[in-house]
Protein backbone atom coordinates (compact mmCIF):
# COMPACT_ATOMS: atom_id res chain seq x y z
CA PRO A 1 0.00 0.00 0.00
CA SER A 2 1.01 3.56 -0.64
CA THR A 3 2.63 5.51 2.18
CA ASN A 4 2.06 8.95 0.63
CA VAL A 5 -1.61 9.22 1.54
CA ALA A 6 -2.76 12.36 3.34
CA PRO A 7 -4.41 11.50 6.67
CA LEU A 8 -7.97 12.41 7.54
CA LYS A 9 -7.71 15.53 9.62
CA ALA A 10 -9.76 15.43 12.84
CA ASN A 11 -10.57 18.02 15.52
CA LEU A 12 -11.38 16.82 19.02
CA PHE A 13 -13.91 18.97 20.91
CA ILE A 14 -14.03 18.22 24.66
CA ASP A 15 -16.78 19.24 27.05
CA GLY A 16 -14.34 19.83 29.92
CA THR A 17 -16.88 20.23 32.70
CA TRP A 18 -18.68 17.00 31.76
CA LEU A 19 -15.35 15.16 31.53
CA TYR A 20 -14.21 16.38 34.97
CA TYR A 21 -17.39 15.17 36.68
CA SER A 22 -17.34 11.90 34.72
CA LEU A 23 -13.81 11.12 35.88
CA ASN A 24 -14.02 12.34 39.46
CA THR A 25 -17.52 12.56 40.94
CA ARG A 26 -19.71 9.82 39.51
CA ASN A 27 -21.66 7.46 41.76
CA PRO A 28 -19.07 4.95 43.10
CA ASP A 29 -21.43 2.05 42.35
CA ARG A 30 -21.62 3.10 38.69
CA CYS A 31 -18.13 4.47 38.13
CA PRO A 32 -15.95 2.03 36.15
CA ILE A 33 -12.77 3.84 37.21
CA ILE A 34 -13.49 3.36 40.92
CA LYS A 35 -14.46 -0.27 40.34
CA LYS A 36 -11.19 -0.89 38.52
CA PHE A 37 -8.72 1.25 40.46
CA GLY A 38 -10.52 1.81 43.79
CA LYS A 39 -11.73 4.89 45.64
CA GLY A 40 -9.23 7.71 45.82
CA TRP A 41 -7.58 6.42 42.63
CA GLN A 42 -6.24 9.92 41.96
CA ASN A 43 -3.67 9.36 44.72
CA ASN A 44 -2.02 6.47 42.86
CA TYR A 45 -3.06 6.91 39.21
CA LYS A 46 -3.40 9.73 36.70
CA VAL A 47 -4.93 10.31 33.27
CA ASP A 48 -2.46 10.08 30.38
CA TRP A 49 -3.72 13.02 28.31
CA LEU A 50 -1.19 12.37 25.55
CA ALA A 51 -2.67 8.89 25.04
CA LEU A 52 -6.33 10.01 24.88
CA PRO A 53 -6.41 11.19 21.23
CA LYS A 54 -4.42 8.12 20.08
CA LEU A 55 -6.84 5.77 21.83
CA ILE A 56 -9.90 7.42 20.28
CA CYS A 57 -8.36 7.34 16.79
CA SER A 58 -7.40 3.70 17.22
CA GLN A 59 -11.00 2.74 18.06
CA MET A 60 -12.32 4.74 15.09
CA GLU A 61 -9.91 3.10 12.64
CA LYS A 62 -10.95 -0.35 13.85
CA GLN A 63 -14.53 0.54 12.96
CA ARG A 64 -13.55 1.78 9.49
CA TYR A 65 -11.89 -1.53 8.62
CA SER A 66 -14.60 -3.73 10.16
CA LYS A 67 -17.78 -2.05 8.92
CA THR A 68 -19.06 -2.33 5.38
CA SER A 69 -20.63 1.12 5.62
CA PHE A 70 -17.18 2.64 5.30
CA THR A 71 -15.31 2.73 2.01
CA LYS A 72 -12.05 0.89 2.42
CA SER A 73 -9.49 3.67 2.86
CA GLU A 74 -5.81 3.76 3.62
CA ARG A 75 -6.03 7.26 5.03
CA PRO A 76 -5.30 7.17 8.77
CA ILE A 77 -7.05 9.51 11.19
CA GLU A 78 -4.86 12.20 12.69
CA ILE A 79 -6.07 14.66 15.30
CA ALA A 80 -4.86 18.11 14.28
CA ARG A 81 -6.30 20.10 17.16
CA ILE A 82 -7.84 19.44 20.57
CA MET A 83 -10.09 22.08 22.15
CA VAL A 84 -11.42 21.94 25.72
CA PHE A 85 -14.30 24.11 26.88
CA THR A 86 -15.09 24.67 30.55
CA SER A 87 -15.51 27.32 33.21
CA ALA A 88 -14.68 27.97 36.85
CA LYS A 89 -15.45 30.55 39.48
CA ARG A 90 -12.87 33.25 40.05
CA GLU A 91 -12.24 32.06 43.60
CA THR A 92 -11.68 28.41 42.61
CA ASP A 93 -8.51 27.11 44.22
CA PRO A 94 -5.87 26.90 41.45
CA ASN A 95 -4.49 23.75 43.10
CA SER A 96 -7.80 21.89 43.28
CA ILE A 97 -8.23 18.60 41.39
CA ARG A 98 -10.39 20.40 38.83
CA MET A 99 -7.89 23.15 38.03
CA ARG A 100 -4.94 20.76 38.07
CA MET A 101 -6.73 18.59 35.51
CA PHE A 102 -7.09 21.47 33.06
CA ARG A 103 -3.47 22.52 33.64
CA ASP A 104 -2.36 18.98 32.81
CA MET A 105 -4.45 19.11 29.63
CA ALA A 106 -2.86 22.43 28.66
CA ASN A 107 0.59 20.95 29.29
CA ALA A 108 -0.34 18.17 26.86
CA ASN A 109 -0.93 20.85 24.17
CA TYR A 110 -4.73 20.92 24.48
CA ASP A 111 -6.32 24.33 23.75
CA VAL A 112 -8.15 24.95 27.03
CA HIS A 113 -10.87 27.62 26.81
CA MET A 114 -11.61 28.57 30.43
CA MET A 115 -14.58 30.87 31.02
CA GLU A 116 -15.55 32.44 34.34
CA THR A 117 -18.61 31.08 36.12
CA VAL A 118 -20.84 33.84 37.45
CA GLY A 119 -23.62 32.81 39.82
CA GLN A 120 -24.65 29.23 40.55
CA GLY A 121 -24.73 27.61 37.13
CA GLU A 122 -22.34 27.32 34.21
CA LYS A 123 -23.30 29.56 31.29
CA CYS A 124 -22.40 29.65 27.59
CA VAL A 125 -19.79 26.83 27.68
CA ASP A 126 -21.91 24.45 25.57
CA ILE A 127 -22.73 27.26 23.16
CA GLN A 128 -19.04 28.13 22.79
CA LEU A 129 -18.15 24.53 21.93
CA ALA A 130 -21.00 24.25 19.40
CA VAL A 131 -20.07 27.56 17.76
CA GLU A 132 -16.41 26.52 17.40
CA MET A 133 -17.38 23.16 15.90
CA LEU A 134 -19.66 24.78 13.31
CA HIS A 135 -17.19 27.57 12.60
CA TYR A 136 -14.33 25.22 11.72
CA ALA A 137 -16.75 23.07 9.69
CA THR A 138 -17.09 26.05 7.32
CA VAL A 139 -13.36 26.83 7.20
CA PRO A 140 -11.76 25.07 4.20
CA ASN A 141 -9.43 22.21 5.14
CA ALA A 142 -9.88 22.82 8.88
CA TYR A 143 -10.94 19.23 9.53
CA ASP A 144 -12.52 16.19 7.90
CA VAL A 145 -13.80 14.53 11.08
CA ALA A 146 -15.26 16.19 14.19
CA ILE A 147 -14.93 14.18 17.42
CA LEU A 148 -17.07 15.21 20.38
CA LEU A 149 -16.08 14.01 23.85
CA SER A 150 -19.21 14.53 25.93
CA GLY A 151 -22.44 12.93 27.06
CA ASP A 152 -24.69 15.98 26.79
CA LYS A 153 -27.64 15.79 24.38
CA ASP A 154 -27.65 19.60 24.02
CA PHE A 155 -25.01 19.20 21.31
CA VAL A 156 -27.35 17.27 18.98
CA PRO A 157 -28.37 20.32 16.85
CA ALA A 158 -24.70 21.22 16.34
CA LEU A 159 -23.86 17.62 15.39
CA VAL A 160 -26.65 17.54 12.81
CA ARG A 161 -25.54 20.83 11.22
CA THR A 162 -21.90 19.73 11.17
CA ARG A 163 -22.78 16.58 9.23
CA GLN A 164 -24.81 18.70 6.82
CA LYS A 165 -21.58 20.56 6.09
CA GLY A 166 -20.12 17.29 4.76
CA LYS A 167 -18.03 16.43 7.81
CA GLN A 168 -17.83 13.04 9.48
CA LEU A 169 -18.93 12.86 13.12
CA CYS A 170 -17.75 10.66 16.00
CA ILE A 171 -18.89 10.73 19.62
CA SER A 172 -16.70 9.55 22.51
CA SER A 173 -18.23 9.24 25.96
CA MET A 174 -18.64 7.20 29.13
CA ARG A 175 -21.69 4.98 29.59
CA ALA A 176 -22.62 6.24 33.07
CA GLY A 177 -22.74 9.86 31.89
CA CYS A 178 -23.98 9.62 28.31
CA ASN A 179 -27.50 10.58 27.31
CA ARG A 180 -29.16 7.80 25.34
CA VAL A 181 -29.99 10.18 22.48
CA LEU A 182 -26.30 10.30 21.55
CA TYR A 183 -25.96 6.56 21.04
CA GLU A 184 -29.49 5.68 19.88
CA SER A 185 -30.03 8.39 17.25
CA PRO A 186 -28.65 7.15 13.91
CA HIS A 187 -28.40 10.48 12.06
CA ILE A 188 -26.00 12.45 14.26
CA ARG A 189 -22.79 10.42 13.84
CA ASP A 190 -20.85 8.31 11.34
CA TYR A 191 -19.14 6.02 13.86
CA ASP A 192 -20.33 3.96 16.78
CA VAL A 193 -19.77 5.71 20.09
CA VAL A 194 -16.19 5.27 21.30
CA TRP A 195 -16.54 4.31 24.97
CA LEU A 196 -13.64 5.34 27.19
CA GLU A 197 -14.36 2.36 29.45
CA SER A 198 -12.91 0.08 26.77
CA CYS A 199 -9.45 1.63 27.09
CA LEU A 200 -9.13 2.50 30.78
CA ASP A 201 -5.97 0.42 31.19
CA GLU A 202 -4.20 2.60 28.61
CA LEU A 203 -5.83 5.88 29.67
CA ILE A 204 -5.40 5.61 33.47
CA VAL A 205 -1.75 4.92 34.30
CA PRO A 206 0.11 4.53 37.62
CA ILE A 207 1.82 7.61 39.00
CA PRO A 208 5.58 7.00 39.04
CA GLU A 209 7.00 6.46 42.52
CA GLU A 210 9.13 9.60 42.36
CA GLU A 211 6.19 11.75 41.28
CA ARG A 212 3.96 10.29 44.01
CA SER A 213 6.64 10.91 46.63
CA ARG A 214 6.90 14.54 45.52
CA ARG A 215 3.13 14.88 45.59
CA ASP A 216 2.79 13.37 49.07
CA ARG A 217 5.60 15.38 50.62
CA ALA A 218 5.57 18.98 51.74
CA GLY A 219 9.24 19.82 51.24
CA TYR A 220 10.94 19.02 54.51
CA ALA A 221 7.75 17.77 56.18
CA SER A 222 5.76 14.63 55.37
CA VAL A 223 1.98 14.59 55.24
CA PHE A 224 1.98 12.89 58.65
CA THR A 225 3.94 15.71 60.28
CA MET A 226 1.77 18.37 58.66
CA MET A 227 -1.41 16.61 59.79
CA ARG A 228 -0.09 16.22 63.32
CA VAL A 229 0.90 19.89 63.69
CA LEU A 230 -2.50 20.99 62.35
CA ARG A 231 -4.36 18.51 64.58
CA ASP A 232 -2.57 19.68 67.72
CA PHE A 233 -3.45 23.33 67.08
CA VAL A 234 -7.10 22.75 66.19
CA GLU A 235 -7.71 20.33 69.07
CA ALA A 236 -6.10 22.70 71.57
CA LEU A 237 -9.19 24.93 71.38
CA PRO A 238 -11.62 23.71 74.10
CA ASN A 239 -14.87 21.87 73.36
CA ASN A 240 -13.82 20.87 69.85
CA GLU A 241 -14.83 24.27 68.48
CA TRP A 242 -14.25 25.51 64.93
CA VAL A 243 -10.94 27.30 64.32
CA SER A 244 -10.44 30.03 61.72
CA SER A 245 -8.14 29.23 58.80
CA ARG A 246 -6.41 32.59 59.32
CA ASP A 247 -5.37 31.58 62.81
CA ILE A 248 -4.12 28.27 61.44
CA GLY A 249 -2.09 30.09 58.77
CA THR A 250 -0.54 32.42 61.34
CA TYR A 251 0.27 29.45 63.56
CA LEU A 252 1.91 27.48 60.73
CA LYS A 253 3.94 30.51 59.70
CA SER A 254 5.35 30.79 63.23
CA ILE A 255 6.68 27.21 63.16
CA GLN A 256 10.15 27.00 61.66
CA ILE A 257 11.46 23.85 60.01
CA ALA A 258 15.03 24.08 58.72
CA ASP A 259 15.27 27.29 56.64
CA SER A 260 11.51 27.43 55.94
CA ASN A 261 8.23 27.41 57.87
CA MET A 262 5.26 25.05 57.88
CA LEU A 263 3.00 27.44 55.96
CA GLU A 264 5.46 27.77 53.08
CA GLU A 265 5.91 23.99 53.05
CA LEU A 266 2.15 23.55 52.82
CA LYS A 267 1.81 26.01 49.94
CA GLN A 268 4.77 24.60 48.07
CA SER A 269 3.58 21.00 47.81
CA HIS A 270 -0.18 21.10 48.41
CA GLY A 271 -1.25 24.46 47.02
CA GLY A 272 -2.34 25.85 50.36
CA LEU A 273 -4.34 25.00 53.45
CA ARG A 274 -7.74 24.60 51.81
CA THR A 275 -6.49 22.14 49.19
CA PHE A 276 -4.58 20.12 51.78
CA LEU A 277 -7.55 19.85 54.15
CA MET A 278 -10.15 18.98 51.52
CA GLU A 279 -8.09 16.60 49.39
CA ARG A 280 -5.27 15.12 51.46
CA ALA A 281 -6.52 15.38 55.05
CA CYS A 282 -10.28 15.11 54.53
CA ASN A 283 -10.44 12.05 56.81
CA LEU A 284 -9.04 14.05 59.73
CA PHE A 285 -10.69 17.47 59.43
CA ASP A 286 -14.12 18.97 58.81
CA VAL A 287 -14.17 22.21 56.80
CA GLN A 288 -17.01 24.74 56.98
CA PHE A 289 -17.40 27.89 54.92
CA PRO A 290 -19.27 30.93 56.32
CA ASP A 291 -22.77 31.74 55.12
CA GLU A 292 -22.57 33.93 52.01
CA ARG A 293 -25.34 36.18 53.37
CA VAL A 294 -23.16 37.33 56.25
CA THR A 295 -21.26 40.55 55.56
CA ARG A 296 -17.53 40.03 56.10
CA THR A 297 -14.46 42.22 56.02
CA PRO A 298 -13.43 42.88 52.39
CA GLY A 299 -10.78 40.40 51.29
CA ASP A 300 -11.59 37.96 54.09
CA HIS A 301 -11.86 34.49 52.51
CA SER A 302 -11.25 32.53 55.69
CA PHE A 303 -13.10 29.36 56.61
CA PHE A 304 -13.37 27.16 59.69
CA VAL A 305 -11.74 23.85 60.56
CA ARG A 306 -12.50 21.19 63.17
CA VAL A 307 -10.99 17.78 63.95
CA LYS A 308 -13.36 14.90 63.31
CA GLY A 309 -13.49 11.33 64.51
CA ASP A 310 -10.61 9.58 66.21
CA SER A 311 -7.61 11.71 65.28
CA ASP A 312 -5.11 9.36 66.94
CA GLU A 313 -6.13 6.41 64.81
CA THR A 314 -6.08 8.49 61.64
CA LEU A 315 -2.59 9.78 62.42
CA ILE A 316 -1.29 6.29 63.15
CA ASN A 317 -2.58 5.06 59.79
CA GLU A 318 -0.88 7.99 58.05
CA PHE A 319 2.32 7.33 60.01
CA LYS A 320 2.40 3.73 58.78
CA ARG A 321 2.06 4.93 55.19
CA THR A 322 5.02 7.30 55.56
CA GLN A 323 8.01 5.58 53.97
CA PHE A 324 10.73 7.92 55.19
CA PHE A 325 11.41 11.10 57.16
CA THR A 326 13.85 13.76 56.05
CA LYS A 327 16.76 14.66 58.27
CA GLU A 328 15.30 18.13 58.85
CA GLU A 329 11.94 16.59 59.75
CA LYS A 330 13.45 14.27 62.35
CA ILE A 331 15.22 17.18 64.01
CA PHE A 332 11.97 19.16 63.99
CA LEU A 333 9.90 16.36 65.53
CA GLU A 334 12.49 15.68 68.23
CA GLU A 335 12.19 19.30 69.39
CA TYR A 336 8.48 19.78 68.62
CA LYS A 337 6.12 20.62 71.47
CA LYS A 338 2.74 22.09 70.66
CA ASP A 339 2.68 24.26 73.80
CA LYS A 340 5.81 25.97 72.53
CA TYR A 341 3.95 27.62 69.64
CA ILE A 342 0.38 28.12 70.94
CA LEU A 343 0.07 31.57 72.52
CA ASP A 344 -2.70 33.45 74.32
CA ASP A 345 -3.74 35.26 71.13
CA SER A 346 -3.38 32.30 68.77
CA TYR A 347 -7.17 32.10 68.27
CA GLN A 348 -7.81 35.84 67.96
CA HIS A 349 -9.35 35.77 64.47
CA THR A 350 -11.51 32.79 65.42
CA ALA A 351 -13.13 34.74 68.25
CA THR A 352 -13.49 37.90 66.14
CA SER A 353 -15.03 36.06 63.18
CA LEU A 354 -17.61 34.27 65.29
CA LEU A 355 -18.53 37.59 66.93
CA GLU A 356 -18.88 39.31 63.54
CA MET A 357 -21.12 36.58 62.15
CA LYS A 358 -23.30 36.86 65.23
CA HIS A 359 -23.77 40.62 65.26
CA HIS A 360 -22.97 42.06 61.82
CA PRO A 361 -25.79 42.64 59.31
CA ASN A 362 -26.04 40.23 56.43
CA LYS A 363 -26.06 41.07 52.75
CA ASP A 364 -29.84 40.99 52.53
CA GLY A 365 -30.10 44.00 54.84
CA GLY A 366 -31.23 42.09 57.93
CA GLN A 367 -29.51 41.62 61.28
CA GLU A 368 -28.67 37.95 61.63
CA ALA A 369 -28.51 37.94 65.40
CA ASP A 370 -31.83 39.76 65.64
CA ILE A 371 -33.86 37.79 63.12
CA ASP A 372 -35.79 36.06 65.86
CA ALA A 373 -37.01 39.47 67.01
CA ASP A 374 -38.60 40.36 63.68
CA THR A 375 -42.22 41.28 63.36
CA ALA A 376 -44.91 38.64 63.23
CA ASP A 377 -45.09 38.69 59.44
CA GLY A 378 -41.41 37.82 59.18
CA THR A 379 -40.17 41.25 58.10
CA SER A 380 -37.52 43.28 59.87
CA ALA A 381 -38.11 46.73 61.26
CA ASN A 382 -35.16 47.91 59.15
CA ALA A 383 -36.34 46.16 55.98
CA LEU A 384 -36.50 48.08 52.73
CA ASP A 385 -39.90 49.64 52.02
CA TYR A 386 -40.62 48.60 48.45
CA SER A 387 -43.60 50.96 48.17
CA GLN A 388 -41.22 53.94 48.21
CA LEU A 389 -39.31 52.73 45.14
CA THR A 390 -39.99 53.44 41.48
CA VAL A 391 -41.10 50.75 39.04
CA VAL A 392 -37.70 50.89 37.32
CA LYS A 393 -35.91 50.21 40.64
CA LEU A 394 -38.35 47.45 41.56
CA LYS A 395 -37.74 45.71 38.23
CA GLU A 396 -33.99 46.02 38.75
CA ILE A 397 -34.28 44.29 42.14
CA CYS A 398 -36.48 41.57 40.62
CA ARG A 399 -33.86 40.89 37.96
CA GLU A 400 -31.13 40.60 40.61
CA LYS A 401 -33.25 38.07 42.51
CA GLY A 402 -34.20 36.14 39.38
CA LEU A 403 -37.88 37.08 39.66
CA PRO A 404 -40.26 37.95 36.79
CA VAL A 405 -40.39 41.68 35.93
CA SER A 406 -43.83 41.73 34.31
CA GLY A 407 -46.89 43.40 35.82
CA LYS A 408 -47.75 46.66 37.53
CA LYS A 409 -46.04 48.19 40.59
CA GLY A 410 -48.37 46.39 42.98
CA ASP A 411 -47.51 43.04 41.37
CA LEU A 412 -43.78 43.73 41.67
CA ILE A 413 -44.08 44.73 45.33
CA GLN A 414 -46.12 41.62 46.17
CA ARG A 415 -43.57 39.43 44.36
CA LEU A 416 -40.66 40.95 46.29
CA GLU A 417 -42.46 40.76 49.64
CA GLU A 418 -43.19 37.05 49.11
CA ASP A 419 -39.56 36.47 48.18
CA ARG A 420 -38.37 38.32 51.30
CA GLN A 421 -40.73 36.29 53.49
CA LEU A 422 -39.32 33.08 52.02
CA GLU A 423 -35.75 34.26 52.67
CA TYR A 424 -36.53 35.03 56.32
CA GLU A 425 -38.09 31.61 56.82
CA ILE A 426 -34.99 29.92 55.39
CA ILE A 427 -32.67 31.99 57.59
CA LYS A 428 -34.71 31.26 60.72
CA LYS A 429 -34.67 27.55 59.98
CA GLN A 430 -30.90 27.57 59.49
CA GLN A 431 -30.35 29.54 62.70
CA LYS A 432 -32.53 27.13 64.64
CA GLN A 433 -30.58 24.16 63.33
CA THR A 434 -27.29 25.90 64.20
CA ARG A 435 -28.44 26.66 67.77
CA GLU A 436 -29.63 23.10 68.28
CA ALA A 437 -26.33 21.71 66.99
CA ARG A 438 -24.36 24.01 69.31
CA GLU A 439 -26.48 23.10 72.31
CA ALA A 440 -26.08 19.41 71.57
CA SER A 441 -22.32 19.86 71.23
CA VAL A 442 -22.12 21.65 74.58
CA LYS A 443 -24.17 18.93 76.28
CA ARG A 444 -21.95 16.19 74.85
CA SER A 445 -18.86 18.06 75.98
CA ASN A 446 -20.24 18.54 79.50
CA ARG A 447 -21.13 14.86 79.73
CA ARG A 448 -17.61 13.88 78.67
CA VAL A 449 -16.04 16.18 81.26
CA GLN A 450 -18.38 14.92 84.00
CA THR A 451 -17.76 11.27 83.12
CA GLN A 452 -14.01 11.79 83.09
CA SER A 453 -14.12 13.58 86.46
CA GLU A 454 -16.10 10.74 88.03
CA LYS A 455 -13.69 8.23 86.57
CA ASN A 456 -10.66 10.09 87.89
CA SER A 457 -12.19 10.36 91.37
CA ARG A 458 -12.79 6.60 91.55
CA SER A 459 -9.49 5.34 90.17
CA PRO A 460 -5.87 6.51 89.85
CA ALA A 461 -4.96 8.36 86.67
CA HIS A 462 -4.18 6.11 83.78
CA VAL A 463 -0.62 6.49 82.59
CA ARG A 464 -0.47 6.31 78.84
CA GLU A 465 2.56 4.88 77.12
CA LYS A 466 3.94 5.94 73.78
CA PRO A 467 3.26 3.33 71.13
CA SER A 468 6.02 1.80 69.12
CA VAL A 469 5.92 0.60 65.56
CA PRO A 470 8.62 -1.96 64.74
CA GLY A 471 10.97 -1.06 61.92
CA ASN A 472 10.23 2.68 61.92
CA VAL A 473 13.03 4.85 63.23
CA TYR A 474 10.66 7.60 64.31
CA ALA A 475 8.05 5.71 66.28
CA ALA A 476 8.37 8.21 69.13
CA SER A 477 6.60 10.83 67.03
CA LEU A 478 3.33 8.89 67.11
CA PRO A 479 0.48 10.43 69.12
CA GLN A 480 0.00 8.93 72.55
CA LEU A 481 -2.91 6.52 72.70
CA ASP A 482 -5.07 5.08 75.40
CA ALA A 483 -6.65 1.79 74.38
CA SER A 484 -9.43 2.31 76.91
CA ARG A 485 -10.64 5.23 74.77
CA TYR A 486 -11.65 2.79 72.07
CA ARG A 487 -13.38 0.41 74.46
CA ASN A 488 -15.43 3.15 76.09
CA ALA A 489 -16.19 5.15 72.96
CA ARG A 490 -19.34 3.41 71.74
CA VAL A 491 -19.64 0.13 73.62
CA LYS A 492 -22.20 1.54 76.04
CA LYS A 493 -24.24 2.94 73.18
CA ASP A 494 -24.18 -0.22 71.11
CA THR A 495 -27.76 -1.02 72.03
CA ALA A 496 -28.85 2.18 70.24
CA VAL A 497 -27.18 1.18 66.98
CA ASP A 498 -29.48 0.09 64.15
CA PRO A 499 -29.64 -3.74 64.25
CA ALA A 500 -29.43 -3.87 60.46
CA VAL A 501 -26.12 -1.99 60.60
CA LYS A 502 -24.72 -4.29 63.29
CA SER A 503 -25.69 -7.48 61.51
CA HIS A 504 -24.44 -6.21 58.14
CA LEU A 505 -21.01 -5.25 59.49
CA GLU A 506 -20.71 -8.45 61.53
CA ALA A 507 -21.60 -10.57 58.49
CA LEU A 508 -18.95 -8.86 56.35
CA VAL A 509 -16.22 -9.29 58.97
CA LYS A 510 -17.17 -12.95 59.49
CA GLU A 511 -17.19 -13.50 55.74
CA TYR A 512 -13.66 -12.18 55.37
CA LEU A 513 -12.29 -14.01 58.42
CA THR A 514 -13.81 -17.28 57.23
CA ALA A 515 -12.22 -16.86 53.81
CA SER A 516 -8.88 -16.03 55.49
CA GLY A 517 -8.81 -19.18 57.60
CA GLY A 518 -10.22 -17.64 60.78
CA THR A 519 -7.60 -14.95 61.45
CA ALA A 520 -6.75 -11.72 59.62
CA GLY A 521 -5.19 -8.30 60.20
CA SER A 522 -7.37 -5.29 60.93
CA ARG A 523 -6.09 -3.36 57.91
CA ASP A 524 -7.00 -6.18 55.53
CA ILE A 525 -10.47 -6.30 57.07
CA GLY A 526 -10.73 -2.54 56.67
CA ARG A 527 -9.89 -2.80 52.98
CA TYR A 528 -12.56 -5.47 52.55
CA LEU A 529 -15.14 -3.26 54.26
CA ALA A 530 -14.13 -0.35 52.04
CA ALA A 531 -14.79 -2.50 48.97
CA ASN A 532 -18.36 -3.32 50.09
CA SER A 533 -21.37 -1.04 50.35
CA ASP A 534 -23.16 -0.08 53.57
CA SER A 535 -26.24 -1.78 55.02
CA ARG A 536 -28.57 0.37 52.90
CA ARG A 537 -26.70 -0.47 49.67
CA GLY A 538 -26.14 3.25 49.20
CA ASN A 539 -23.16 5.27 48.03
CA ARG A 540 -21.18 4.84 51.26
CA SER A 541 -18.79 1.99 51.88
CA ALA A 542 -19.24 -0.38 54.81
CA LEU A 543 -16.02 1.02 56.31
CA THR A 544 -17.45 4.54 56.31
CA GLU A 545 -20.63 3.27 57.95
CA LEU A 546 -18.58 1.48 60.62
CA LYS A 547 -16.52 4.58 61.44
CA GLU A 548 -19.58 6.83 61.56
CA THR A 549 -21.38 4.37 63.85
CA TYR A 550 -18.61 3.01 66.09
CA GLY A 551 -15.67 5.34 65.53
CA SER A 552 -13.15 2.59 64.72
CA LEU A 553 -12.86 -1.08 63.81
CA LEU A 554 -11.41 -1.91 67.23
CA THR A 555 -14.43 -0.42 68.98
CA PHE A 556 -16.79 -2.48 66.83
CA ILE A 557 -14.83 -5.70 67.41
CA LEU A 558 -14.86 -5.13 71.17
CA THR A 559 -18.66 -4.89 71.11
CA LYS A 560 -18.81 -8.32 69.47
CA GLN A 561 -16.64 -10.31 71.87
CA ASN A 562 -18.89 -13.36 71.42
CA SER A 563 -17.95 -13.45 67.74
CA PHE A 564 -14.45 -12.00 67.51
CA LEU A 565 -11.26 -12.02 69.53
CA VAL A 566 -8.57 -9.33 69.35
CA LEU A 567 -5.27 -11.13 69.82
CA ASP A 568 -3.25 -7.98 70.53
CA LYS A 569 -4.73 -4.51 71.14
CA SER A 570 -1.44 -2.66 71.67
CA PRO A 571 -1.29 0.43 69.40
CA GLY A 572 0.85 0.04 66.32
CA TYR A 573 0.93 -3.75 66.50
CA GLY A 574 1.38 -5.64 63.28
CA GLY A 575 2.78 -2.94 61.00
CA ASP A 576 0.97 -2.88 57.66
CA GLU A 577 -1.42 -5.68 58.72
CA GLY A 578 -2.70 -3.87 61.84
CA PHE A 579 -3.78 -5.83 64.91
CA PRO A 580 -4.83 -9.50 64.47
CA ILE A 581 -8.49 -10.51 64.78
CA LYS A 582 -9.69 -14.08 65.23
CA LEU A 583 -13.12 -15.51 64.47
CA ILE A 584 -14.73 -17.33 67.42
CA LYS A 585 -16.58 -20.33 66.04
């Protein structure tokens, strides 16, 4: 065959927003990537963007040589240009998974068209893609084949018009996120849909060890050390209260490590505090953003952080995953004492922010702290009097609120009053829920303090020993643990746990132990629970359900002493396998 044949020129048009959600946020039960590579696959694998166009072309060429509807041709398909269309809010963290994905695509020579999202929904991105596809269809020799990577049926009119211009059409998508119109309609494409699921092994590739080590390290400090320093500061505030991110940043900046500080280390390798907390340390911290209605100091983008669950167990698991410590990190941890850095004014912004949110007026013109004192009809004494405004101004306000602007002045006023009433009801409901949550938190805290005081008065103080993990030169840096904490955490409340949850978790653990010959390590059992769904067959894993119900696997096992036996409960036992658990037959 001749080798001097001009290739078919193809343009690849990618719906970037659809692709991001298809790769990262689909239902775990329906996501082929999670089923194949596991939850949190982004920590160990990455998308090979250079391979994507080759894989799509390969699947298309197979169809051309296997289907009689195509004229036998020696012209290969060559993608001349790849265009990605998406949008993001101005305040989107540049180091988030979403933004990193589009940077990686740009580094692979994709033309990334990033628009700014204004308001709640994405606007004009689909239109921009459709316009570009039709535009290049009319430009001579721009392309012979248009390839659309999306699952959105809104592109159907553009696909039809593109084919009418004499261009071939191919659709590439993922089954879980593709509208049936795209693969059932016969007149919008010239090829069968190219499913990305058929080439996941070539598209999703392991992250090289060196790259993963760089990603998981924060310069001198490992993820474990960063998590421990953050945990100590946040937990030092009494009653497990929320701590402002600005106070955390100031605290990290005050902690020197070698010739740098912890804040710079965090920014250098993790893109900042927010990214680190929400992507790398999400199992240790809760993050809460202030209500947008509350007026804040200009330029204040702070948020609040709180430790969740059993922080000691989480830190131990992270410690075991840490393969090495730098020399500078070892020196830092040998000298590290949290009391050395926490000062009297370390939580100054936390106190000020909470006070501002309680007393400052919100953006809607009301006084948040005084909403409960509003008039009986739900309006504030300081509320805007719509009857004093002109029709032009009333219509302007309606447009801002997304309300219809038709009708006379009386209709506009009635519409705005109803909208204001609805807003006040929503705010009151949210404030009530917040008060109830705070009161419940205070009660729980008081009960814990009272229980601990009674326990201390009846028995001598329990001396906790530092755990030791064999084979790790820095075992002394582990948080101190008290095994009794696990036994007392939920055992007394076990009778209040849903029986369906208890039986489901017990059946899964028994199933794994039986298959393992009667004995297995806790970490292996945890992995098995993570691979199975919860008792309701929902989106959560059984491991998540266990932690939310019992706090830890050890706590659950100790509530089932008729079924299971813990052979060694000492913290850190067993290395990567965890502590051994035996099935009682």
